[in-house]
Amino acid sequence: MTADEEMPEIPVVCTACGTRTQVPFEDVAAAVERHNEQLHDGAAIAEVDPDVLDALTDQLGKDMGLLE
């Protein structure tokens, strides 16, 4: 990946707030932590969209040869 290419945006959801947002890949962890700290007293409620996380995990497993 070149410096000119942007990292993908990752969907983050919060069922408690009823929100869904797109966050740049490099900012996901900080955005989720900040949301949970500010709005949910640190409880892990906001998260990467579970369907997207499952798809990424499956693809990574395939790429690493773990699912063969």
C-alpha atoms as a PDB file:
ATOM      1  CA  MET A   1       0.000   0.000   0.000  1.00  0.00           C
ATOM      2  CA  THR A   2       1.365   3.386  -0.914  1.00  0.00           C
ATOM      3  CA  ALA A   3       1.217   6.505   1.212  1.00  0.00           C
ATOM      4  CA  ASP A   4      -1.436   7.918  -1.159  1.00  0.00           C
ATOM      5  CA  GLU A   5      -3.825   5.028  -0.535  1.00  0.00           C
ATOM      6  CA  GLU A   6      -6.269   5.435   2.318  1.00  0.00           C
ATOM      7  CA  MET A   7      -6.990   2.727   4.838  1.00  0.00           C
ATOM      8  CA  PRO A   8     -10.570   1.461   4.702  1.00  0.00           C
ATOM      9  CA  GLU A   9     -13.230   2.767   7.006  1.00  0.00           C
ATOM     10  CA  ILE A  10     -14.645   0.254   9.470  1.00  0.00           C
ATOM     11  CA  PRO A  11     -18.279   0.318  10.651  1.00  0.00           C
ATOM     12  CA  VAL A  12     -18.683   0.781  14.397  1.00  0.00           C
ATOM     13  CA  VAL A  13     -22.055   0.193  16.043  1.00  0.00           C
ATOM     14  CA  CYS A  14     -23.519   0.960  19.439  1.00  0.00           C
ATOM     15  CA  THR A  15     -26.767  -0.850  20.171  1.00  0.00           C
ATOM     16  CA  ALA A  16     -27.362   1.179  23.330  1.00  0.00           C
ATOM     17  CA  CYS A  17     -27.220   4.478  21.447  1.00  0.00           C
ATOM     18  CA  GLY A  18     -28.680   3.135  18.210  1.00  0.00           C
ATOM     19  CA  THR A  19     -25.757   4.550  16.268  1.00  0.00           C
ATOM     20  CA  ARG A  20     -23.591   3.322  13.410  1.00  0.00           C
ATOM     21  CA  THR A  21     -20.589   5.190  12.052  1.00  0.00           C
ATOM     22  CA  GLN A  22     -17.645   4.637   9.724  1.00  0.00           C
ATOM     23  CA  VAL A  23     -14.222   5.108  11.329  1.00  0.00           C
ATOM     24  CA  PRO A  24     -10.827   5.054   9.574  1.00  0.00           C
ATOM     25  CA  PHE A  25      -9.080   1.730  10.257  1.00  0.00           C
ATOM     26  CA  GLU A  26      -6.247   3.301  12.229  1.00  0.00           C
ATOM     27  CA  ASP A  27      -8.687   5.122  14.548  1.00  0.00           C
ATOM     28  CA  VAL A  28     -11.105   2.265  15.362  1.00  0.00           C
ATOM     29  CA  ALA A  29      -9.698   1.194  18.730  1.00  0.00           C
ATOM     30  CA  ALA A  30      -9.444   4.756  20.036  1.00  0.00           C
ATOM     31  CA  ALA A  31     -12.905   5.718  18.757  1.00  0.00           C
ATOM     32  CA  VAL A  32     -14.591   2.691  20.345  1.00  0.00           C
ATOM     33  CA  GLU A  33     -12.764   3.218  23.640  1.00  0.00           C
ATOM     34  CA  ARG A  34     -13.575   6.940  23.692  1.00  0.00           C
ATOM     35  CA  HIS A  35     -17.271   6.322  22.941  1.00  0.00           C
ATOM     36  CA  ASN A  36     -17.557   3.701  25.652  1.00  0.00           C
ATOM     37  CA  GLU A  37     -15.708   5.835  28.215  1.00  0.00           C
ATOM     38  CA  GLN A  38     -17.735   8.970  27.503  1.00  0.00           C
ATOM     39  CA  LEU A  39     -21.189   7.431  27.114  1.00  0.00           C
ATOM     40  CA  HIS A  40     -21.171   4.083  28.904  1.00  0.00           C
ATOM     41  CA  ASP A  41     -18.852   4.513  31.905  1.00  0.00           C
ATOM     42  CA  GLY A  42     -16.242   2.341  30.195  1.00  0.00           C
ATOM     43  CA  ALA A  43     -18.528  -0.640  29.565  1.00  0.00           C
ATOM     44  CA  ALA A  44     -17.701  -2.378  26.270  1.00  0.00           C
ATOM     45  CA  ILE A  45     -20.926  -1.626  24.413  1.00  0.00           C
ATOM     46  CA  ALA A  46     -19.858   0.086  21.178  1.00  0.00           C
ATOM     47  CA  GLU A  47     -17.932  -2.282  18.910  1.00  0.00           C
ATOM     48  CA  VAL A  48     -16.847  -3.024  15.374  1.00  0.00           C
ATOM     49  CA  ASP A  49     -19.888  -4.283  13.471  1.00  0.00           C
ATOM     50  CA  PRO A  50     -19.964  -7.993  14.408  1.00  0.00           C
ATOM     51  CA  ASP A  51     -20.783  -9.104  10.844  1.00  0.00           C
ATOM     52  CA  VAL A  52     -17.788  -7.204   9.487  1.00  0.00           C
ATOM     53  CA  LEU A  53     -15.556  -8.540  12.247  1.00  0.00           C
ATOM     54  CA  ASP A  54     -16.639 -12.124  11.469  1.00  0.00           C
ATOM     55  CA  ALA A  55     -15.938 -11.642   7.767  1.00  0.00           C
ATOM     56  CA  LEU A  56     -12.491 -10.178   8.485  1.00  0.00           C
ATOM     57  CA  THR A  57     -11.686 -13.015  10.888  1.00  0.00           C
ATOM     58  CA  ASP A  58     -12.759 -15.632   8.335  1.00  0.00           C
ATOM     59  CA  GLN A  59     -10.680 -14.009   5.604  1.00  0.00           C
ATOM     60  CA  LEU A  60      -7.639 -13.787   7.849  1.00  0.00           C
ATOM     61  CA  GLY A  61      -8.017 -17.455   8.780  1.00  0.00           C
ATOM     62  CA  LYS A  62      -8.192 -18.405   5.094  1.00  0.00           C
ATOM     63  CA  ASP A  63      -5.178 -16.254   4.237  1.00  0.00           C
ATOM     64  CA  MET A  64      -3.174 -17.883   7.039  1.00  0.00           C
ATOM     65  CA  GLY A  65      -4.277 -21.376   5.973  1.00  0.00           C
ATOM     66  CA  LEU A  66      -6.017 -22.058   9.272  1.00  0.00           C
ATOM     67  CA  LEU A  67      -9.335 -23.066   7.720  1.00  0.00           C
ATOM     68  CA  GLU A  68      -8.048 -25.743   5.375  1.00  0.00           C
END
